[in-house]
Amino acid sequence: MDINGSVALVTGANRGIGMAFTEALLAHGAAKVYAGVRDPKAVLASGLTPLRLDVTDEEQVAAAARAADDVSIVINNAGVTGGPSLLEGSLDGARREMEVNYFGTWAVSRAFAPVLAANGGGALVNMLSVASWVANRQFPSYAASKSAQWSLTNAFRLALREQGTLVVGVHAGYVDTDLASDVDSPKILAGDVAEATMTGLLNDEPEVLVDEVTRQVRAALSGGLDELYANR
């Protein structure tokens, strides 16, 4: 996949990994980068094209697909956390995680699939997590939403294969962003996630494993549960 001269859309682009994605795309020569955000006024960086996009609003998703009909790269990055603990608390936060992380990714991917097809296939990139593969006692509903998003990514990979769309799942451990600000664990930089993703796009890789913990967990999936959860 050639990034130079491409037109891209990044959802949740106003901060964190989303902002890092926009910067990396521009650094690799993208001709235009749409910054999909709920409030276009929040896009302050130069070189970006703000695009109103709440991924949970199907009318806004459809309008975005009409407005950004020149894209060849779509990066589903918008995501939230904030669900309850496993044994107590309201389930409202868990429902919100599913609405944004899972259904939001589904809505955007479905709306932009014909746009990508019309522009030669392009690439659909979904920002997933190591939590797609292992349960997390601290964030059980977030992990569940990412597991669902991983399954969805694989389904889109099959569905869009004939139209020539590269579908990429990006997996990483904790990233140093607002989303993980309260987590007391080693973290990688958002810029490292973005740059690894650009390398994956350039090499037509369907899966990007950003850090060592993610690579270890991915390899452990072929083993038993004792191995997968040995240190968790």
Protein backbone atom coordinates (compact mmCIF):
# COMPACT_ATOMS: atom_id res chain seq x y z
CA MET A 1 0.00 0.00 0.00
CA ASP A 2 1.44 3.34 -1.06
CA ILE A 3 0.87 6.09 1.51
CA ASN A 4 2.56 8.83 -0.50
CA GLY A 5 -0.10 10.79 -2.35
CA SER A 6 -2.96 8.96 -0.65
CA VAL A 7 -6.07 10.42 0.97
CA ALA A 8 -6.81 9.13 4.47
CA LEU A 9 -9.41 9.37 7.21
CA VAL A 10 -8.65 8.89 10.90
CA THR A 11 -11.47 8.66 13.42
CA GLY A 12 -10.92 10.00 16.94
CA ALA A 13 -8.17 12.16 15.49
CA ASN A 14 -8.01 15.04 17.94
CA ARG A 15 -5.65 13.44 20.48
CA GLY A 16 -3.63 10.40 21.49
CA ILE A 17 -3.12 7.63 18.97
CA GLY A 18 -5.49 9.30 16.52
CA MET A 19 -3.41 12.46 16.41
CA ALA A 20 -0.26 10.35 16.05
CA PHE A 21 -1.85 8.58 13.07
CA THR A 22 -2.56 11.91 11.34
CA GLU A 23 1.01 13.08 11.91
CA ALA A 24 2.49 9.82 10.61
CA LEU A 25 0.30 9.86 7.49
CA LEU A 26 1.39 13.39 6.64
CA ALA A 27 5.03 12.53 7.34
CA HIS A 28 4.75 9.65 4.87
CA GLY A 29 3.41 11.94 2.16
CA ALA A 30 -0.37 11.62 2.36
CA ALA A 31 -1.92 14.28 0.14
CA LYS A 32 -4.94 14.84 2.42
CA VAL A 33 -5.86 13.61 5.88
CA TYR A 34 -9.41 13.92 7.17
CA ALA A 35 -9.52 14.26 10.95
CA GLY A 36 -12.78 12.65 11.99
CA VAL A 37 -13.93 14.17 15.29
CA ARG A 38 -17.18 14.96 17.07
CA ASP A 39 -16.26 18.65 17.20
CA PRO A 40 -14.32 19.95 14.16
CA LYS A 41 -13.19 22.97 16.20
CA ALA A 42 -11.06 20.56 18.25
CA VAL A 43 -8.77 20.00 15.26
CA LEU A 44 -6.03 22.56 15.76
CA ALA A 45 -3.14 20.98 13.85
CA SER A 46 -2.31 22.39 10.45
CA GLY A 47 -2.48 20.26 7.33
CA LEU A 48 -5.61 18.38 8.37
CA THR A 49 -9.15 18.52 6.99
CA PRO A 50 -11.62 18.47 9.91
CA LEU A 51 -14.63 16.21 9.42
CA ARG A 52 -17.57 16.02 11.82
CA LEU A 53 -17.88 12.36 12.75
CA ASP A 54 -19.45 10.78 15.79
CA VAL A 55 -19.03 7.08 14.99
CA THR A 56 -22.16 6.23 17.00
CA ASP A 57 -24.33 8.53 14.86
CA GLU A 58 -25.27 6.67 11.68
CA GLU A 59 -26.41 9.85 9.91
CA GLN A 60 -23.04 11.50 10.58
CA VAL A 61 -21.23 8.36 9.41
CA ALA A 62 -23.20 8.36 6.15
CA ALA A 63 -22.58 12.08 5.66
CA ALA A 64 -18.86 11.60 6.27
CA ALA A 65 -18.71 8.87 3.63
CA ARG A 66 -20.33 11.23 1.14
CA ALA A 67 -18.04 14.13 2.04
CA ALA A 68 -14.81 12.09 2.09
CA ASP A 69 -15.46 10.11 -1.07
CA ASP A 70 -11.82 10.40 -2.16
CA VAL A 71 -10.25 8.35 0.65
CA SER A 72 -8.08 5.31 0.04
CA ILE A 73 -7.10 4.71 3.69
CA VAL A 74 -9.58 4.56 6.59
CA ILE A 75 -8.24 4.21 10.13
CA ASN A 76 -10.81 3.27 12.77
CA ASN A 77 -9.16 4.66 15.87
CA ALA A 78 -12.05 6.16 17.86
CA GLY A 79 -12.35 4.30 21.14
CA VAL A 80 -13.44 4.70 24.75
CA THR A 81 -13.06 2.96 28.07
CA GLY A 82 -14.94 3.44 31.32
CA GLY A 83 -16.84 0.24 31.91
CA PRO A 84 -17.51 -1.22 35.37
CA SER A 85 -15.57 -3.77 37.33
CA LEU A 86 -16.58 -7.36 36.72
CA LEU A 87 -18.71 -7.85 39.84
CA GLU A 88 -20.21 -4.43 40.53
CA GLY A 89 -21.20 -1.12 38.97
CA SER A 90 -23.58 0.04 36.27
CA LEU A 91 -23.32 -1.59 32.86
CA ASP A 92 -23.87 1.74 31.09
CA GLY A 93 -20.13 2.27 30.57
CA ALA A 94 -19.78 -1.20 29.08
CA ARG A 95 -22.60 -0.48 26.66
CA ARG A 96 -20.87 2.77 25.67
CA GLU A 97 -17.64 0.87 24.98
CA MET A 98 -19.48 -1.53 22.70
CA GLU A 99 -21.28 1.33 20.93
CA VAL A 100 -18.04 3.17 20.13
CA ASN A 101 -15.39 0.46 19.87
CA TYR A 102 -17.44 -2.24 18.17
CA PHE A 103 -20.57 -0.80 16.56
CA GLY A 104 -18.79 2.45 15.67
CA THR A 105 -16.05 0.55 13.85
CA TRP A 106 -18.69 -1.53 12.10
CA ALA A 107 -20.65 1.53 10.98
CA VAL A 108 -17.63 3.38 9.61
CA SER A 109 -16.20 0.30 7.90
CA ARG A 110 -19.50 -0.52 6.24
CA ALA A 111 -20.08 3.06 5.08
CA PHE A 112 -16.60 3.47 3.62
CA ALA A 113 -16.23 0.01 2.04
CA PRO A 114 -17.77 1.14 -1.28
CA VAL A 115 -15.68 4.34 -1.19
CA LEU A 116 -12.50 2.28 -0.86
CA ALA A 117 -13.66 0.00 -3.65
CA ALA A 118 -14.32 2.95 -5.94
CA ASN A 119 -10.83 4.28 -5.22
CA GLY A 120 -9.00 1.09 -6.09
CA GLY A 121 -9.34 -0.94 -2.88
CA GLY A 122 -7.10 0.92 -0.49
CA ALA A 123 -6.82 -0.05 3.16
CA LEU A 124 -9.06 -0.34 6.21
CA VAL A 125 -7.12 -0.16 9.47
CA ASN A 126 -8.66 -0.99 12.84
CA MET A 127 -6.95 0.03 16.07
CA LEU A 128 -7.34 -3.03 18.29
CA SER A 129 -5.44 -4.13 21.41
CA VAL A 130 -3.64 -6.97 23.09
CA ALA A 131 -6.91 -7.06 25.06
CA SER A 132 -8.53 -8.44 21.91
CA TRP A 133 -6.97 -11.78 22.87
CA VAL A 134 -6.86 -11.90 26.68
CA ALA A 135 -9.37 -11.04 29.36
CA ASN A 136 -8.51 -8.11 31.62
CA ARG A 137 -9.71 -8.21 35.22
CA GLN A 138 -9.31 -4.44 35.58
CA PHE A 139 -11.10 -3.55 32.31
CA PRO A 140 -13.29 -6.56 31.46
CA SER A 141 -15.81 -4.76 29.27
CA TYR A 142 -13.13 -2.88 27.33
CA ALA A 143 -11.39 -6.18 26.58
CA ALA A 144 -14.70 -7.68 25.49
CA SER A 145 -15.35 -4.79 23.12
CA LYS A 146 -11.89 -5.17 21.61
CA SER A 147 -12.36 -8.92 21.22
CA ALA A 148 -15.58 -8.24 19.34
CA GLN A 149 -13.79 -5.63 17.23
CA TRP A 150 -11.07 -8.17 16.36
CA SER A 151 -13.68 -10.65 15.15
CA LEU A 152 -15.31 -7.88 13.13
CA THR A 153 -11.94 -6.99 11.59
CA ASN A 154 -11.46 -10.58 10.45
CA ALA A 155 -14.96 -10.62 8.96
CA PHE A 156 -14.27 -7.45 6.99
CA ARG A 157 -10.96 -8.92 5.80
CA LEU A 158 -12.91 -11.76 4.23
CA ALA A 159 -15.72 -9.58 2.91
CA LEU A 160 -13.49 -6.97 1.29
CA ARG A 161 -10.90 -9.33 -0.14
CA GLU A 162 -12.48 -9.43 -3.59
CA GLN A 163 -12.53 -5.64 -3.90
CA GLY A 164 -8.79 -5.51 -3.16
CA THR A 165 -9.00 -3.77 0.23
CA LEU A 166 -6.16 -4.46 2.65
CA VAL A 167 -7.71 -4.90 6.12
CA VAL A 168 -5.20 -4.34 8.93
CA GLY A 169 -5.62 -5.11 12.63
CA VAL A 170 -3.23 -3.12 14.86
CA HIS A 171 -2.60 -4.62 18.30
CA ALA A 172 -0.70 -3.00 21.16
CA GLY A 173 -0.43 -3.10 24.92
CA TYR A 174 -0.88 -0.02 27.08
CA VAL A 175 -0.18 3.22 25.21
CA ASP A 176 0.77 6.49 26.89
CA THR A 177 -2.48 8.39 26.22
CA ASP A 178 -5.36 9.85 28.23
CA LEU A 179 -7.19 6.52 27.84
CA ALA A 180 -4.57 4.74 29.95
CA SER A 181 -3.58 7.63 32.19
CA ASP A 182 -4.66 5.81 35.37
CA VAL A 183 -2.88 2.56 34.51
CA ASP A 184 0.31 1.85 36.46
CA SER A 185 2.04 -0.34 33.89
CA PRO A 186 4.74 0.09 31.24
CA LYS A 187 3.46 1.99 28.22
CA ILE A 188 4.58 2.60 24.67
CA LEU A 189 4.31 5.89 22.80
CA ALA A 190 1.43 6.73 20.50
CA GLY A 191 3.96 7.71 17.84
CA ASP A 192 5.45 4.21 17.94
CA VAL A 193 2.00 2.72 17.31
CA ALA A 194 1.45 5.04 14.36
CA GLU A 195 4.85 4.41 12.81
CA ALA A 196 4.52 0.63 13.15
CA THR A 197 1.16 0.92 11.42
CA MET A 198 2.65 2.90 8.55
CA THR A 199 5.29 0.19 8.12
CA GLY A 200 2.56 -2.42 8.10
CA LEU A 201 0.65 -0.54 5.40
CA LEU A 202 3.75 -0.12 3.26
CA ASN A 203 4.42 -3.86 3.51
CA ASP A 204 0.77 -4.92 3.00
CA GLU A 205 0.68 -6.64 6.40
CA PRO A 206 -2.78 -7.70 7.62
CA GLU A 207 -1.70 -7.66 11.26
CA VAL A 208 0.58 -5.24 13.13
CA LEU A 209 1.95 -6.31 16.51
CA VAL A 210 3.43 -3.16 17.96
CA ASP A 211 5.22 -4.26 21.13
CA GLU A 212 6.80 -7.30 22.72
CA VAL A 213 3.96 -8.08 25.13
CA THR A 214 1.56 -8.19 22.19
CA ARG A 215 3.83 -10.53 20.23
CA GLN A 216 4.12 -12.82 23.25
CA VAL A 217 0.37 -13.00 23.78
CA ARG A 218 -0.26 -13.58 20.07
CA ALA A 219 2.16 -16.50 20.08
CA ALA A 220 0.58 -17.94 23.24
CA LEU A 221 -2.85 -18.22 21.58
CA SER A 222 -1.77 -21.53 20.07
CA GLY A 223 -1.11 -22.95 23.54
CA GLY A 224 -3.33 -23.69 26.51
CA LEU A 225 -5.12 -21.32 28.87
CA ASP A 226 -2.55 -21.92 31.61
CA GLU A 227 0.16 -20.53 29.36
CA LEU A 228 -1.93 -17.61 28.15
CA TYR A 229 -2.90 -16.48 31.67
CA ALA A 230 0.24 -17.55 33.53
CA ASN A 231 1.23 -14.02 34.60
CA ARG A 232 -2.19 -12.34 34.75
